[in-house]
Amino acid sequence: MKKLHILFLFVLLGMPALAQNNSDRNFEIGKNFDTFSSIVKELDLFYVDTLDTKKLVRRGIDYMLNSLDPYTVYYSEDDMDDLKMMTTGKYAGIGSVIRLYQKDKVVISEPYANSPAARAGLKAGDILLQIDDTDLTGKTTNDVSSMLRGEPQTSFVLKVKRPGVEKPMSFKITRETIQTPAVPYYGIVSSNVGYINFSGFTENCSKDIRKAVIELKNQGAKGLVFDLRNNGGGLLSEAVEIVNLF
């Protein structure tokens, strides 16, 4: 009983100090918020040029999070489509991987089988020139990707330059809901080594990985190579499920 009394007394004595520390911390956080808000307001009122305060605050948030680690990020309401694509693998677009070419051009890298891009006739290596009336020269892959996506069943005209074809080619493409495969390919690459191309930690991807691992093991694989080069991340819960396989 004596030990219990001493422990209880210690807890009671420690509670005021803990409450004081929390109060001081909350006060400091509130003070810093007020400082940040005041600076943004002063800049908006008195800075020599007109400022985009939304962009300014976003840069401040991104810089704050980048100072912590590369994996803590903020998704605004405007970014929800990107977040949904990362976690579900679904988006409305043409169904093709694109990449940068010669610093100022974007090309089709890999049209998915039976996708709007493939059915329209786009091929790997096609240089994207124009979407409707918008010139794509100098655009980043993110810019072009955003323009290729949109609401399902909406259409646009894409002009491309195909290597070996003299004149530019135009394709009318209708966007569809695309489900990107979590495991585009797996197979045996040598006598006892399995290979799994793994594109993202999307919903239920652990089931696809489990199936691939079991099939490769049945084919004699003693080791596995996971190709994550184009993996953009996703759900932690799915990553935990995959690790639990081993």
C-alpha atoms as a PDB file:
ATOM      1  CA  MET A   1       0.000   0.000   0.000  1.00  0.00           C
ATOM      2  CA  LYS A   2       2.832   2.375   0.788  1.00  0.00           C
ATOM      3  CA  LYS A   3       4.187   2.129  -2.773  1.00  0.00           C
ATOM      4  CA  LEU A   4       0.752   2.840  -4.191  1.00  0.00           C
ATOM      5  CA  HIS A   5       0.393   5.916  -2.014  1.00  0.00           C
ATOM      6  CA  ILE A   6       3.775   7.243  -3.090  1.00  0.00           C
ATOM      7  CA  LEU A   7       3.025   6.619  -6.769  1.00  0.00           C
ATOM      8  CA  PHE A   8      -0.366   8.324  -6.478  1.00  0.00           C
ATOM      9  CA  LEU A   9       1.207  11.310  -4.770  1.00  0.00           C
ATOM     10  CA  PHE A  10       3.840  11.530  -7.515  1.00  0.00           C
ATOM     11  CA  VAL A  11       1.148  11.540 -10.209  1.00  0.00           C
ATOM     12  CA  LEU A  12      -0.810  14.245  -8.443  1.00  0.00           C
ATOM     13  CA  LEU A  13       2.293  16.367  -8.004  1.00  0.00           C
ATOM     14  CA  GLY A  14       3.249  15.862 -11.649  1.00  0.00           C
ATOM     15  CA  MET A  15      -0.144  16.818 -13.125  1.00  0.00           C
ATOM     16  CA  PRO A  16       0.127  20.605 -12.522  1.00  0.00           C
ATOM     17  CA  ALA A  17       3.556  20.658 -14.175  1.00  0.00           C
ATOM     18  CA  LEU A  18       2.231  18.689 -17.160  1.00  0.00           C
ATOM     19  CA  ALA A  19      -0.774  20.999 -17.504  1.00  0.00           C
ATOM     20  CA  GLN A  20       1.545  24.017 -17.332  1.00  0.00           C
ATOM     21  CA  ASN A  21       3.789  22.566 -20.050  1.00  0.00           C
ATOM     22  CA  ASN A  22       0.782  21.930 -22.319  1.00  0.00           C
ATOM     23  CA  SER A  23      -0.522  25.446 -21.665  1.00  0.00           C
ATOM     24  CA  ASP A  24       2.867  26.969 -22.492  1.00  0.00           C
ATOM     25  CA  ARG A  25       3.115  24.872 -25.659  1.00  0.00           C
ATOM     26  CA  ASN A  26      -0.392  25.813 -26.835  1.00  0.00           C
ATOM     27  CA  PHE A  27       0.351  29.465 -26.124  1.00  0.00           C
ATOM     28  CA  GLU A  28       3.576  29.272 -28.153  1.00  0.00           C
ATOM     29  CA  ILE A  29       1.794  27.574 -31.073  1.00  0.00           C
ATOM     30  CA  GLY A  30      -0.985  30.172 -31.040  1.00  0.00           C
ATOM     31  CA  LYS A  31       1.563  32.987 -30.881  1.00  0.00           C
ATOM     32  CA  ASN A  32       3.410  31.606 -33.921  1.00  0.00           C
ATOM     33  CA  PHE A  33       0.129  31.255 -35.852  1.00  0.00           C
ATOM     34  CA  ASP A  34      -0.695  34.886 -35.093  1.00  0.00           C
ATOM     35  CA  THR A  35       2.768  35.960 -36.278  1.00  0.00           C
ATOM     36  CA  PHE A  36       2.432  34.025 -39.534  1.00  0.00           C
ATOM     37  CA  SER A  37      -1.074  35.396 -40.161  1.00  0.00           C
ATOM     38  CA  SER A  38       0.055  38.964 -39.470  1.00  0.00           C
ATOM     39  CA  ILE A  39       2.985  38.664 -41.894  1.00  0.00           C
ATOM     40  CA  VAL A  40       0.728  37.350 -44.687  1.00  0.00           C
ATOM     41  CA  LYS A  41      -1.756  40.197 -44.118  1.00  0.00           C
ATOM     42  CA  GLU A  42       1.012  42.831 -44.090  1.00  0.00           C
ATOM     43  CA  LEU A  43       2.492  41.465 -47.315  1.00  0.00           C
ATOM     44  CA  ASP A  44      -0.926  41.411 -48.961  1.00  0.00           C
ATOM     45  CA  LEU A  45      -1.531  45.047 -48.021  1.00  0.00           C
ATOM     46  CA  PHE A  46       1.862  46.677 -48.438  1.00  0.00           C
ATOM     47  CA  TYR A  47       4.133  44.535 -50.661  1.00  0.00           C
ATOM     48  CA  VAL A  48       5.260  46.372 -53.803  1.00  0.00           C
ATOM     49  CA  ASP A  49       3.719  43.739 -56.130  1.00  0.00           C
ATOM     50  CA  THR A  50       0.350  42.000 -56.038  1.00  0.00           C
ATOM     51  CA  LEU A  51       0.699  38.638 -54.320  1.00  0.00           C
ATOM     52  CA  ASP A  52      -1.148  35.371 -54.801  1.00  0.00           C
ATOM     53  CA  THR A  53      -1.699  34.722 -51.079  1.00  0.00           C
ATOM     54  CA  LYS A  54      -3.031  31.197 -51.693  1.00  0.00           C
ATOM     55  CA  LYS A  55       0.179  30.240 -53.488  1.00  0.00           C
ATOM     56  CA  LEU A  56       2.293  32.055 -50.891  1.00  0.00           C
ATOM     57  CA  VAL A  57       0.719  30.188 -47.973  1.00  0.00           C
ATOM     58  CA  ARG A  58       1.017  26.880 -49.863  1.00  0.00           C
ATOM     59  CA  ARG A  59       4.741  27.476 -50.361  1.00  0.00           C
ATOM     60  CA  GLY A  60       5.068  28.153 -46.633  1.00  0.00           C
ATOM     61  CA  ILE A  61       3.271  24.890 -45.804  1.00  0.00           C
ATOM     62  CA  ASP A  62       5.367  22.891 -48.291  1.00  0.00           C
ATOM     63  CA  TYR A  63       8.620  24.361 -46.977  1.00  0.00           C
ATOM     64  CA  MET A  64       7.611  23.571 -43.375  1.00  0.00           C
ATOM     65  CA  LEU A  65       6.823  19.941 -44.244  1.00  0.00           C
ATOM     66  CA  ASN A  66       9.937  19.525 -46.419  1.00  0.00           C
ATOM     67  CA  SER A  67      12.037  20.538 -43.415  1.00  0.00           C
ATOM     68  CA  LEU A  68      10.729  17.442 -41.573  1.00  0.00           C
ATOM     69  CA  ASP A  69      11.176  14.585 -44.066  1.00  0.00           C
ATOM     70  CA  PRO A  70      10.411  13.770 -47.734  1.00  0.00           C
ATOM     71  CA  TYR A  71       7.253  11.804 -46.880  1.00  0.00           C
ATOM     72  CA  THR A  72       5.086  14.266 -44.919  1.00  0.00           C
ATOM     73  CA  VAL A  73       3.005  16.171 -47.464  1.00  0.00           C
ATOM     74  CA  TYR A  74      -0.155  18.276 -47.577  1.00  0.00           C
ATOM     75  CA  TYR A  75      -2.963  17.625 -50.063  1.00  0.00           C
ATOM     76  CA  SER A  76      -5.328  20.521 -50.642  1.00  0.00           C
ATOM     77  CA  GLU A  77      -8.853  20.166 -52.003  1.00  0.00           C
ATOM     78  CA  ASP A  78      -7.452  20.819 -55.496  1.00  0.00           C
ATOM     79  CA  ASP A  79      -5.099  17.843 -55.099  1.00  0.00           C
ATOM     80  CA  MET A  80      -7.738  15.291 -54.105  1.00  0.00           C
ATOM     81  CA  ASP A  81      -7.805  13.693 -57.568  1.00  0.00           C
ATOM     82  CA  ASP A  82      -4.079  12.979 -57.303  1.00  0.00           C
ATOM     83  CA  LEU A  83      -4.521  11.541 -53.806  1.00  0.00           C
ATOM     84  CA  LYS A  84      -7.396   9.304 -54.931  1.00  0.00           C
ATOM     85  CA  MET A  85      -5.334   8.060 -57.856  1.00  0.00           C
ATOM     86  CA  MET A  86      -2.422   7.234 -55.529  1.00  0.00           C
ATOM     87  CA  THR A  87      -4.608   5.284 -53.092  1.00  0.00           C
ATOM     88  CA  THR A  88      -7.060   3.613 -55.488  1.00  0.00           C
ATOM     89  CA  GLY A  89      -5.187   3.468 -58.801  1.00  0.00           C
ATOM     90  CA  LYS A  90      -8.269   4.929 -60.516  1.00  0.00           C
ATOM     91  CA  TYR A  91      -8.490   8.111 -62.570  1.00  0.00           C
ATOM     92  CA  ALA A  92     -10.321   9.452 -65.620  1.00  0.00           C
ATOM     93  CA  GLY A  93      -7.971   9.890 -68.558  1.00  0.00           C
ATOM     94  CA  ILE A  94      -6.541   8.201 -71.628  1.00  0.00           C
ATOM     95  CA  GLY A  95      -4.669   5.303 -69.989  1.00  0.00           C
ATOM     96  CA  SER A  96      -1.028   5.878 -70.852  1.00  0.00           C
ATOM     97  CA  VAL A  97       2.308   6.507 -69.176  1.00  0.00           C
ATOM     98  CA  ILE A  98       3.996   9.712 -70.382  1.00  0.00           C
ATOM     99  CA  ARG A  99       7.543  10.965 -69.911  1.00  0.00           C
ATOM    100  CA  LEU A 100       9.719  13.984 -70.638  1.00  0.00           C
ATOM    101  CA  TYR A 101      11.698  14.023 -73.898  1.00  0.00           C
ATOM    102  CA  GLN A 102      14.524  16.430 -74.807  1.00  0.00           C
ATOM    103  CA  LYS A 103      13.736  18.747 -71.848  1.00  0.00           C
ATOM    104  CA  ASP A 104      10.787  20.545 -73.458  1.00  0.00           C
ATOM    105  CA  LYS A 105       8.606  17.786 -74.946  1.00  0.00           C
ATOM    106  CA  VAL A 106       6.383  15.067 -73.499  1.00  0.00           C
ATOM    107  CA  VAL A 107       5.972  11.705 -75.223  1.00  0.00           C
ATOM    108  CA  ILE A 108       3.779   8.650 -74.905  1.00  0.00           C
ATOM    109  CA  SER A 109       5.858   6.065 -73.075  1.00  0.00           C
ATOM    110  CA  GLU A 110       3.445   3.179 -72.683  1.00  0.00           C
ATOM    111  CA  PRO A 111      -0.262   3.088 -73.634  1.00  0.00           C
ATOM    112  CA  TYR A 112      -2.136   0.541 -71.504  1.00  0.00           C
ATOM    113  CA  ALA A 113      -3.727  -2.356 -73.349  1.00  0.00           C
ATOM    114  CA  ASN A 114      -7.345  -1.686 -74.401  1.00  0.00           C
ATOM    115  CA  SER A 115      -7.161   1.886 -73.060  1.00  0.00           C
ATOM    116  CA  PRO A 116      -8.591   4.956 -74.852  1.00  0.00           C
ATOM    117  CA  ALA A 117      -5.027   5.838 -75.887  1.00  0.00           C
ATOM    118  CA  ALA A 118      -4.390   2.400 -77.393  1.00  0.00           C
ATOM    119  CA  ARG A 119      -7.781   2.206 -79.114  1.00  0.00           C
ATOM    120  CA  ALA A 120      -7.307   5.674 -80.629  1.00  0.00           C
ATOM    121  CA  GLY A 121      -4.024   4.510 -82.169  1.00  0.00           C
ATOM    122  CA  LEU A 122      -1.408   6.243 -79.996  1.00  0.00           C
ATOM    123  CA  LYS A 123       1.965   4.497 -79.845  1.00  0.00           C
ATOM    124  CA  ALA A 124       5.033   4.632 -77.635  1.00  0.00           C
ATOM    125  CA  GLY A 125       7.312   7.429 -78.880  1.00  0.00           C
ATOM    126  CA  ASP A 126       4.537   9.749 -80.084  1.00  0.00           C
ATOM    127  CA  ILE A 127       5.529  13.330 -79.219  1.00  0.00           C
ATOM    128  CA  LEU A 128       2.595  15.309 -77.791  1.00  0.00           C
ATOM    129  CA  LEU A 129       2.245  18.638 -79.612  1.00  0.00           C
ATOM    130  CA  GLN A 130      -1.174  20.021 -78.786  1.00  0.00           C
ATOM    131  CA  ILE A 131      -4.351  19.330 -76.789  1.00  0.00           C
ATOM    132  CA  ASP A 132      -7.235  21.065 -78.541  1.00  0.00           C
ATOM    133  CA  ASP A 133      -5.857  24.633 -78.935  1.00  0.00           C
ATOM    134  CA  THR A 134      -3.186  24.394 -76.203  1.00  0.00           C
ATOM    135  CA  ASP A 135       0.449  24.114 -77.293  1.00  0.00           C
ATOM    136  CA  LEU A 136       2.310  21.568 -75.126  1.00  0.00           C
ATOM    137  CA  THR A 137       5.867  22.683 -75.944  1.00  0.00           C
ATOM    138  CA  GLY A 138       7.710  23.455 -72.698  1.00  0.00           C
ATOM    139  CA  LYS A 139       5.001  21.919 -70.511  1.00  0.00           C
ATOM    140  CA  THR A 140       6.012  19.573 -67.679  1.00  0.00           C
ATOM    141  CA  THR A 141       4.734  16.001 -67.435  1.00  0.00           C
ATOM    142  CA  ASN A 142       2.554  17.104 -64.499  1.00  0.00           C
ATOM    143  CA  ASP A 143       1.021  19.896 -66.613  1.00  0.00           C
ATOM    144  CA  VAL A 144       0.302  17.553 -69.515  1.00  0.00           C
ATOM    145  CA  SER A 145      -0.992  14.813 -67.216  1.00  0.00           C
ATOM    146  CA  SER A 146      -3.479  17.252 -65.671  1.00  0.00           C
ATOM    147  CA  MET A 147      -4.739  18.245 -69.123  1.00  0.00           C
ATOM    148  CA  LEU A 148      -5.079  14.637 -70.267  1.00  0.00           C
ATOM    149  CA  ARG A 149      -7.235  13.837 -67.242  1.00  0.00           C
ATOM    150  CA  GLY A 150     -10.783  15.071 -66.793  1.00  0.00           C
ATOM    151  CA  GLU A 151     -14.347  13.927 -66.401  1.00  0.00           C
ATOM    152  CA  PRO A 152     -15.218  10.521 -67.908  1.00  0.00           C
ATOM    153  CA  GLN A 153     -16.823  10.670 -71.378  1.00  0.00           C
ATOM    154  CA  THR A 154     -15.328  14.094 -72.175  1.00  0.00           C
ATOM    155  CA  SER A 155     -13.361  14.303 -75.426  1.00  0.00           C
ATOM    156  CA  PHE A 156     -10.464  16.286 -76.843  1.00  0.00           C
ATOM    157  CA  VAL A 157      -8.247  16.332 -79.931  1.00  0.00           C
ATOM    158  CA  LEU A 158      -4.608  15.383 -79.395  1.00  0.00           C
ATOM    159  CA  LYS A 159      -2.017  16.314 -82.031  1.00  0.00           C
ATOM    160  CA  VAL A 160       1.219  14.295 -82.032  1.00  0.00           C
ATOM    161  CA  LYS A 161       4.438  13.976 -84.032  1.00  0.00           C
ATOM    162  CA  ARG A 162       5.234  10.337 -84.751  1.00  0.00           C
ATOM    163  CA  PRO A 163       8.860   9.446 -85.542  1.00  0.00           C
ATOM    164  CA  GLY A 164       9.157   8.454 -89.200  1.00  0.00           C
ATOM    165  CA  VAL A 165       5.918  10.206 -90.184  1.00  0.00           C
ATOM    166  CA  GLU A 166       6.357  13.530 -91.922  1.00  0.00           C
ATOM    167  CA  LYS A 167       3.141  15.334 -90.941  1.00  0.00           C
ATOM    168  CA  PRO A 168       1.641  15.666 -87.440  1.00  0.00           C
ATOM    169  CA  MET A 169      -1.223  13.302 -86.649  1.00  0.00           C
ATOM    170  CA  SER A 170      -4.463  14.145 -84.823  1.00  0.00           C
ATOM    171  CA  PHE A 171      -6.515  11.794 -82.647  1.00  0.00           C
ATOM    172  CA  LYS A 172      -9.892  12.382 -81.018  1.00  0.00           C
ATOM    173  CA  ILE A 173      -9.849  10.670 -77.625  1.00  0.00           C
ATOM    174  CA  THR A 174     -12.629  10.205 -75.090  1.00  0.00           C
ATOM    175  CA  ARG A 175     -11.567   9.984 -71.454  1.00  0.00           C
ATOM    176  CA  GLU A 176     -12.588   6.915 -69.461  1.00  0.00           C
ATOM    177  CA  THR A 177     -12.180   5.702 -65.894  1.00  0.00           C
ATOM    178  CA  ILE A 178      -8.829   3.925 -65.838  1.00  0.00           C
ATOM    179  CA  GLN A 179      -7.806   1.322 -63.267  1.00  0.00           C
ATOM    180  CA  THR A 180      -4.018   1.124 -63.232  1.00  0.00           C
ATOM    181  CA  PRO A 181      -2.810  -2.378 -62.341  1.00  0.00           C
ATOM    182  CA  ALA A 182      -0.824  -2.616 -59.102  1.00  0.00           C
ATOM    183  CA  VAL A 183       1.216  -5.452 -60.636  1.00  0.00           C
ATOM    184  CA  PRO A 184       1.602  -4.805 -64.392  1.00  0.00           C
ATOM    185  CA  TYR A 185       3.923  -7.808 -64.800  1.00  0.00           C
ATOM    186  CA  TYR A 186       5.566 -10.671 -62.921  1.00  0.00           C
ATOM    187  CA  GLY A 187       7.542 -13.707 -64.013  1.00  0.00           C
ATOM    188  CA  ILE A 188      10.697 -15.807 -63.648  1.00  0.00           C
ATOM    189  CA  VAL A 189      13.782 -13.944 -64.888  1.00  0.00           C
ATOM    190  CA  SER A 190      16.330 -16.712 -64.256  1.00  0.00           C
ATOM    191  CA  SER A 191      16.295 -20.306 -63.069  1.00  0.00           C
ATOM    192  CA  ASN A 192      15.205 -19.436 -59.520  1.00  0.00           C
ATOM    193  CA  VAL A 193      14.652 -15.658 -59.325  1.00  0.00           C
ATOM    194  CA  GLY A 194      11.201 -14.111 -59.615  1.00  0.00           C
ATOM    195  CA  TYR A 195      10.526 -10.559 -60.790  1.00  0.00           C
ATOM    196  CA  ILE A 196       7.543  -8.394 -59.764  1.00  0.00           C
ATOM    197  CA  ASN A 197       6.859  -5.006 -61.351  1.00  0.00           C
ATOM    198  CA  PHE A 198       4.943  -3.125 -58.658  1.00  0.00           C
ATOM    199  CA  SER A 199       3.422   0.240 -59.596  1.00  0.00           C
ATOM    200  CA  GLY A 200       1.741   1.480 -56.395  1.00  0.00           C
ATOM    201  CA  PHE A 201       0.491   0.721 -52.879  1.00  0.00           C
ATOM    202  CA  THR A 202      -3.163   1.016 -53.909  1.00  0.00           C
ATOM    203  CA  GLU A 203      -6.271  -0.489 -52.319  1.00  0.00           C
ATOM    204  CA  ASN A 204      -6.096  -4.307 -52.171  1.00  0.00           C
ATOM    205  CA  CYS A 205      -2.748  -4.408 -53.986  1.00  0.00           C
ATOM    206  CA  SER A 206      -1.440  -6.776 -51.284  1.00  0.00           C
ATOM    207  CA  LYS A 207      -3.774  -9.456 -52.698  1.00  0.00           C
ATOM    208  CA  ASP A 208      -2.201  -9.046 -56.154  1.00  0.00           C
ATOM    209  CA  ILE A 209       1.288  -9.242 -54.657  1.00  0.00           C
ATOM    210  CA  ARG A 210       0.329 -12.327 -52.642  1.00  0.00           C
ATOM    211  CA  LYS A 211      -0.964 -14.041 -55.791  1.00  0.00           C
ATOM    212  CA  ALA A 212       2.217 -13.170 -57.707  1.00  0.00           C
ATOM    213  CA  VAL A 213       4.492 -14.388 -54.881  1.00  0.00           C
ATOM    214  CA  ILE A 214       2.643 -17.709 -54.561  1.00  0.00           C
ATOM    215  CA  GLU A 215       2.681 -18.352 -58.316  1.00  0.00           C
ATOM    216  CA  LEU A 216       6.380 -17.473 -58.604  1.00  0.00           C
ATOM    217  CA  LYS A 217       7.176 -19.713 -55.641  1.00  0.00           C
ATOM    218  CA  ASN A 218       5.271 -22.580 -57.282  1.00  0.00           C
ATOM    219  CA  GLN A 219       7.348 -21.986 -60.425  1.00  0.00           C
ATOM    220  CA  GLY A 220      10.532 -22.533 -58.417  1.00  0.00           C
ATOM    221  CA  ALA A 221      11.522 -19.000 -57.372  1.00  0.00           C
ATOM    222  CA  LYS A 222      13.957 -18.957 -54.442  1.00  0.00           C
ATOM    223  CA  GLY A 223      14.442 -15.182 -54.523  1.00  0.00           C
ATOM    224  CA  LEU A 224      12.400 -12.155 -55.582  1.00  0.00           C
ATOM    225  CA  VAL A 225      13.177  -8.829 -57.238  1.00  0.00           C
ATOM    226  CA  PHE A 226      10.633  -6.050 -56.597  1.00  0.00           C
ATOM    227  CA  ASP A 227      10.805  -3.338 -59.256  1.00  0.00           C
ATOM    228  CA  LEU A 228       9.581  -0.119 -57.569  1.00  0.00           C
ATOM    229  CA  ARG A 229      11.122   2.384 -60.002  1.00  0.00           C
ATOM    230  CA  ASN A 230       7.766   3.881 -61.054  1.00  0.00           C
ATOM    231  CA  ASN A 231       6.052   3.308 -57.712  1.00  0.00           C
ATOM    232  CA  GLY A 232       4.544   6.550 -56.401  1.00  0.00           C
ATOM    233  CA  GLY A 233       3.653   5.263 -52.923  1.00  0.00           C
ATOM    234  CA  GLY A 234       0.171   4.937 -51.477  1.00  0.00           C
ATOM    235  CA  LEU A 235      -1.433   3.274 -48.473  1.00  0.00           C
ATOM    236  CA  LEU A 236       0.685   2.303 -45.457  1.00  0.00           C
ATOM    237  CA  SER A 237      -1.801  -0.446 -44.532  1.00  0.00           C
ATOM    238  CA  GLU A 238      -1.156  -2.184 -47.861  1.00  0.00           C
ATOM    239  CA  ALA A 239       2.605  -1.917 -47.375  1.00  0.00           C
ATOM    240  CA  VAL A 240       2.219  -3.585 -43.948  1.00  0.00           C
ATOM    241  CA  GLU A 241       0.143  -6.403 -45.487  1.00  0.00           C
ATOM    242  CA  ILE A 242       2.836  -6.998 -48.127  1.00  0.00           C
ATOM    243  CA  VAL A 243       5.629  -7.080 -45.545  1.00  0.00           C
ATOM    244  CA  ASN A 244       3.569  -9.571 -43.511  1.00  0.00           C
ATOM    245  CA  LEU A 245       3.787 -12.009 -46.438  1.00  0.00           C
ATOM    246  CA  PHE A 246       7.419 -12.550 -45.470  1.00  0.00           C
END
